[in-house]
Protein backbone atom coordinates (compact mmCIF):
# COMPACT_ATOMS: atom_id res chain seq x y z
CA MET A 1 -4.41 -6.24 10.52
CA HIS A 2 -1.88 -9.03 10.13
CA ILE A 3 1.82 -8.04 9.95
CA ALA A 4 2.16 -9.31 6.36
CA GLU A 5 -0.94 -7.39 5.30
CA ASN A 6 0.36 -4.21 6.94
CA TYR A 7 3.74 -4.62 5.21
CA SER A 8 2.01 -5.18 1.87
CA ALA A 9 -0.14 -2.07 2.32
CA GLU A 10 2.94 0.03 3.14
CA MET A 11 4.80 -1.30 0.10
CA LEU A 12 1.82 -0.54 -2.13
CA THR A 13 1.70 2.98 -0.71
CA ALA A 14 5.42 3.42 -1.37
CA HIS A 15 4.98 2.36 -5.00
CA ILE A 16 2.01 4.70 -5.46
CA ILE A 17 3.98 7.65 -4.08
CA PHE A 18 7.46 6.91 -5.47
CA GLY A 19 6.76 4.87 -8.61
CA TYR A 20 7.34 1.22 -9.49
CA HIS A 21 11.14 1.43 -9.04
CA LEU A 22 10.79 3.96 -6.18
CA ASN A 23 12.69 6.58 -8.19
CA LYS A 24 9.90 8.79 -9.63
CA PRO A 25 7.98 10.43 -6.77
CA VAL A 26 4.70 12.25 -7.29
CA ASP A 27 4.79 16.05 -7.44
CA ALA A 28 2.18 16.41 -4.69
CA VAL A 29 -0.43 14.50 -2.73
CA ILE A 30 -4.06 15.58 -2.63
CA THR A 31 -5.85 13.72 0.13
CA TRP A 32 -8.75 13.73 2.56
CA TYR A 33 -7.83 12.59 6.05
CA GLU A 34 -9.10 13.30 9.52
CA LEU A 35 -6.70 14.54 12.18
CA ASP A 36 -6.53 13.12 15.68
CA ASN A 37 -6.52 15.22 18.87
CA PHE A 38 -2.86 16.10 18.27
CA ASP A 39 -3.40 17.30 14.66
CA GLN A 40 -1.76 14.14 13.34
CA SER A 41 -3.09 11.75 10.69
CA LYS A 42 -4.22 8.28 11.71
CA GLY A 43 -3.37 4.70 10.71
CA GLY A 44 -2.01 3.84 7.28
CA THR A 45 -2.45 7.43 6.17
CA ALA A 46 0.06 8.45 8.83
CA THR A 47 2.65 6.08 7.37
CA ALA A 48 2.12 7.37 3.84
CA LEU A 49 2.23 11.01 4.89
CA LYS A 50 5.40 10.44 6.90
CA MET A 51 7.11 9.09 3.75
CA VAL A 52 5.82 12.03 1.71
CA MET A 53 6.81 14.69 4.21
CA GLU A 54 10.31 13.23 4.65
CA ARG A 55 10.80 13.84 0.90
CA GLN A 56 9.27 17.35 1.21
CA ILE A 57 6.45 16.53 -1.22
CA PRO A 58 3.56 18.99 -0.79
CA VAL A 59 0.40 17.59 0.83
CA PHE A 60 -3.02 19.16 0.33
CA ASN A 61 -5.62 17.91 2.82
CA LEU A 62 -9.18 18.59 1.68
CA TYR A 63 -10.58 17.39 5.01
CA LEU A 64 -9.67 20.73 6.60
CA LEU A 65 -12.36 23.36 7.06
CA ASN A 66 -10.73 25.94 4.78
CA LYS A 67 -11.37 23.99 1.56
CA ASN A 68 -11.39 27.10 -0.65
CA GLU A 69 -7.95 28.07 0.62
CA ILE A 70 -6.65 24.53 0.01
CA LEU A 71 -8.12 24.51 -3.52
CA ASN A 72 -6.46 27.87 -4.21
CA GLN A 73 -3.14 26.45 -3.00
CA ILE A 74 -3.56 23.47 -5.33
CA ALA A 75 -4.32 25.78 -8.28
CA LYS A 76 -1.26 27.91 -7.48
CA PHE A 77 0.92 24.79 -7.21
CA ILE A 78 -0.29 23.52 -10.60
CA LYS A 79 0.36 26.89 -12.24
CA GLN A 80 3.91 26.94 -10.81
CA LYS A 81 4.58 23.40 -12.08
CA ARG A 82 3.51 24.40 -15.61
CA CYS A 83 6.04 27.25 -15.80
């Protein structure tokens, strides 16, 4: 990937996560990403998740084997946000 393309992808990701003016972050991220041998995300996903985790935004990864547990965590999170 060209440097300009990589920068553009990261800026797009930042706007998706934090809003157009970067001042209205999402409440959580629901994603599907594979982990490497060190239990870390790969590529552009790694950049996005680093930004999210630095802001302590919850991340729910549906790639993991315990999908029912993850779905229950999402349901619990949504219920808490409604209260």
